[in-house]
Amino acid sequence: MNRFQEKRELTINKLLEVALRLFAVQGFEATSIRTIAAEAGISLGLLYNYFKSKDELLEAIFKRGVEDIHASFQKTHDTSGSGIERHIRQTVKLLKEKKDFWKLLYGIRMQSAVVRQLMDEMKEQTTFIEAQIKHNLIEAGTPFPDLEAKLLFASIDGIAHHYLLYDNYPIDDVATLLIMKYKKS
């Protein structure tokens, strides 16, 4: 990668980091493109060279988040625990590492205008995650894996929601308790 490309990537990353932080803290609707440019320390014109709109910034942030989600399902060298346990622990790790992304995602899920532009991608990701959970449940020999996948996904979603809402939420303890419920006796 040449110097120009490196500088371009650095600027894009900076814009995405700043936009993510501002969207997570102030909300998508309340954050202006001008504020993003100012916080990133670049001109509004330069920002528009990289992203045509605030919506395009949001889409790029969402795509990076999806990459993280997919990476969390990749098989690791860690063979301890079941696929269910690894999934829950990876989810908790991802929540902690990318808290602003998850705050943004949970915040926009209830904003119909914003959700409409991402709805197809969000449905696709939900289907992917649920299929991964179902696969882990089948591997574990869990009865009714279709329904159980929906229940487990909703449980993990609830844990994530509470973690994002409450500063002292005991996410590790709650995750461990959930894992214990899925351990074979």
Protein backbone atom coordinates (compact mmCIF):
# COMPACT_ATOMS: atom_id res chain seq x y z
CA MET A 1 0.00 0.00 0.00
CA ASN A 2 1.45 3.37 -0.97
CA ARG A 3 1.47 6.47 1.24
CA PHE A 4 -1.63 7.95 -0.38
CA GLN A 5 -3.61 4.75 0.23
CA GLU A 6 -2.36 4.53 3.83
CA LYS A 7 -3.41 8.13 4.50
CA ARG A 8 -6.78 7.48 2.88
CA GLU A 9 -7.35 4.39 5.06
CA LEU A 10 -6.31 6.29 8.19
CA THR A 11 -8.75 9.10 7.38
CA ILE A 12 -11.59 6.68 6.66
CA ASN A 13 -10.91 4.82 9.92
CA LYS A 14 -10.83 8.09 11.85
CA LEU A 15 -14.14 9.21 10.31
CA LEU A 16 -15.78 5.88 11.10
CA GLU A 17 -14.48 5.90 14.69
CA VAL A 18 -15.65 9.48 15.29
CA ALA A 19 -19.04 8.88 13.64
CA LEU A 20 -19.55 5.69 15.64
CA ARG A 21 -18.70 7.41 18.92
CA LEU A 22 -20.95 10.40 18.19
CA PHE A 23 -23.84 8.26 16.92
CA ALA A 24 -23.59 6.05 20.02
CA VAL A 25 -23.49 9.00 22.43
CA GLN A 26 -25.70 11.60 20.74
CA GLY A 27 -27.85 9.39 18.53
CA PHE A 28 -27.84 9.10 14.76
CA GLU A 29 -30.46 11.78 14.12
CA ALA A 30 -28.90 14.30 16.53
CA THR A 31 -25.40 14.03 15.01
CA SER A 32 -24.68 16.26 12.05
CA ILE A 33 -22.20 15.49 9.31
CA ARG A 34 -20.56 18.85 10.10
CA THR A 35 -20.00 17.75 13.72
CA ILE A 36 -18.40 14.51 12.55
CA ALA A 37 -16.00 16.40 10.28
CA ALA A 38 -15.10 18.88 13.04
CA GLU A 39 -14.51 16.12 15.62
CA ALA A 40 -12.36 14.21 13.12
CA GLY A 41 -10.34 17.36 12.43
CA ILE A 42 -11.03 17.47 8.70
CA SER A 43 -12.97 19.76 6.44
CA LEU A 44 -16.55 19.03 5.50
CA GLY A 45 -15.51 18.90 1.83
CA LEU A 46 -12.89 16.25 2.52
CA LEU A 47 -15.41 14.18 4.46
CA TYR A 48 -17.68 14.26 1.41
CA ASN A 49 -14.80 12.90 -0.68
CA TYR A 50 -15.00 9.75 1.42
CA PHE A 51 -18.69 9.51 2.28
CA LYS A 52 -21.60 11.04 0.38
CA SER A 53 -23.84 11.26 3.44
CA LYS A 54 -24.37 10.45 7.07
CA ASP A 55 -26.37 7.42 5.93
CA GLU A 56 -23.36 6.14 4.00
CA LEU A 57 -21.23 6.51 7.14
CA LEU A 58 -23.81 4.51 9.08
CA GLU A 59 -23.78 1.77 6.43
CA ALA A 60 -19.97 1.57 6.56
CA ILE A 61 -20.06 1.32 10.37
CA PHE A 62 -22.70 -1.40 10.15
CA LYS A 63 -20.65 -3.36 7.58
CA ARG A 64 -17.61 -3.29 9.86
CA GLY A 65 -19.74 -4.50 12.74
CA VAL A 66 -21.04 -7.35 10.61
CA GLU A 67 -17.45 -8.33 9.80
CA ASP A 68 -16.75 -8.50 13.55
CA ILE A 69 -19.85 -10.64 14.09
CA HIS A 70 -18.84 -13.06 11.34
CA ALA A 71 -15.29 -13.24 12.68
CA SER A 72 -16.63 -14.13 16.12
CA PHE A 73 -18.18 -17.29 14.65
CA GLN A 74 -14.96 -18.48 13.06
CA LYS A 75 -13.52 -21.61 14.60
CA THR A 76 -10.69 -20.83 16.96
CA HIS A 77 -7.88 -22.99 18.23
CA ASP A 78 -9.61 -22.88 21.59
CA THR A 79 -11.48 -26.16 21.83
CA SER A 80 -12.58 -25.73 25.42
CA GLY A 81 -16.30 -25.71 25.95
CA SER A 82 -19.13 -26.34 23.55
CA GLY A 83 -19.99 -24.27 20.50
CA ILE A 84 -22.71 -22.66 22.61
CA GLU A 85 -20.24 -21.67 25.31
CA ARG A 86 -17.78 -20.27 22.75
CA HIS A 87 -20.60 -18.31 21.11
CA ILE A 88 -21.75 -16.76 24.39
CA ARG A 89 -18.18 -15.92 25.47
CA GLN A 90 -17.35 -14.46 22.03
CA THR A 91 -20.51 -12.35 22.18
CA VAL A 92 -19.58 -10.99 25.60
CA LYS A 93 -16.04 -10.26 24.38
CA LEU A 94 -17.37 -8.46 21.29
CA LEU A 95 -19.81 -6.43 23.40
CA LYS A 96 -17.00 -5.27 25.66
CA GLU A 97 -14.58 -4.50 22.82
CA LYS A 98 -17.10 -2.72 20.56
CA LYS A 99 -19.48 -1.20 23.09
CA ASP A 100 -20.10 1.98 21.04
CA PHE A 101 -21.06 -0.08 17.98
CA TRP A 102 -23.57 -2.11 19.99
CA LYS A 103 -25.01 1.01 21.66
CA LEU A 104 -25.53 2.47 18.21
CA LEU A 105 -27.07 -0.72 16.84
CA TYR A 106 -29.46 -1.11 19.76
CA GLY A 107 -30.36 2.58 19.56
CA ILE A 108 -31.18 2.57 15.86
CA ARG A 109 -33.15 -0.67 15.99
CA MET A 110 -36.11 1.33 17.24
CA GLN A 111 -35.74 4.25 14.82
CA SER A 112 -37.90 3.21 11.89
CA ALA A 113 -36.43 5.61 9.30
CA VAL A 114 -32.90 4.47 10.05
CA VAL A 115 -33.83 0.81 10.31
CA ARG A 116 -35.57 0.82 6.94
CA GLN A 117 -32.30 1.57 5.16
CA LEU A 118 -30.53 -1.31 6.95
CA MET A 119 -33.48 -3.71 7.34
CA ASP A 120 -32.46 -6.26 4.70
CA GLU A 121 -28.91 -6.44 6.02
CA MET A 122 -30.13 -6.66 9.63
CA LYS A 123 -32.51 -9.52 8.75
CA GLU A 124 -29.68 -11.29 6.93
CA GLN A 125 -27.42 -10.99 9.98
CA THR A 126 -30.15 -12.17 12.33
CA THR A 127 -30.73 -15.22 10.13
CA PHE A 128 -26.99 -15.93 10.02
CA ILE A 129 -26.57 -15.67 13.80
CA GLU A 130 -29.64 -17.79 14.50
CA ALA A 131 -28.38 -20.47 12.06
CA GLN A 132 -25.00 -20.53 13.83
CA ILE A 133 -26.68 -20.90 17.21
CA LYS A 134 -28.95 -23.66 15.86
CA HIS A 135 -25.91 -25.49 14.47
CA ASN A 136 -24.24 -25.35 17.90
CA LEU A 137 -27.42 -26.62 19.56
CA ILE A 138 -27.71 -29.52 17.11
CA GLU A 139 -24.06 -30.40 17.78
CA ALA A 140 -24.83 -30.38 21.52
CA GLY A 141 -27.83 -32.68 20.99
CA THR A 142 -30.33 -30.11 22.25
CA PRO A 143 -33.98 -31.04 21.63
CA PHE A 144 -36.05 -28.61 19.53
CA PRO A 145 -33.01 -26.72 18.14
CA ASP A 146 -35.15 -24.32 16.05
CA LEU A 147 -37.09 -23.01 19.02
CA GLU A 148 -34.15 -23.27 21.38
CA ALA A 149 -32.05 -21.15 18.97
CA LYS A 150 -34.69 -18.41 19.11
CA LEU A 151 -34.77 -18.61 22.91
CA LEU A 152 -30.97 -18.55 23.26
CA PHE A 153 -30.65 -15.69 20.76
CA ALA A 154 -33.27 -13.70 22.69
CA SER A 155 -31.45 -14.43 25.96
CA ILE A 156 -28.12 -13.24 24.55
CA ASP A 157 -29.86 -10.20 23.07
CA GLY A 158 -31.35 -9.42 26.49
CA ILE A 159 -27.98 -9.78 28.18
CA ALA A 160 -26.47 -7.41 25.62
CA HIS A 161 -29.28 -4.91 26.08
CA HIS A 162 -28.88 -4.84 29.87
CA TYR A 163 -25.09 -4.58 29.59
CA LEU A 164 -25.46 -1.53 27.37
CA LEU A 165 -28.07 0.10 29.61
CA TYR A 166 -26.59 -0.47 33.05
CA ASP A 167 -23.02 0.45 33.95
CA ASN A 168 -22.48 -2.24 36.58
CA TYR A 169 -24.33 -5.08 34.89
CA PRO A 170 -22.58 -8.37 35.78
CA ILE A 171 -22.30 -9.58 32.17
CA ASP A 172 -19.63 -12.20 32.83
CA ASP A 173 -21.58 -13.77 35.69
CA VAL A 174 -24.85 -13.78 33.73
CA ALA A 175 -23.08 -15.27 30.68
CA THR A 176 -21.56 -18.00 32.86
CA LEU A 177 -24.97 -18.83 34.31
CA LEU A 178 -26.45 -19.04 30.80
CA ILE A 179 -23.59 -21.31 29.70
CA MET A 180 -24.23 -23.55 32.71
CA LYS A 181 -27.82 -24.03 31.57
CA TYR A 182 -26.55 -25.49 28.28
CA LYS A 183 -23.85 -27.74 29.69
CA LYS A 184 -24.53 -31.46 29.45
CA SER A 185 -25.10 -33.11 32.76
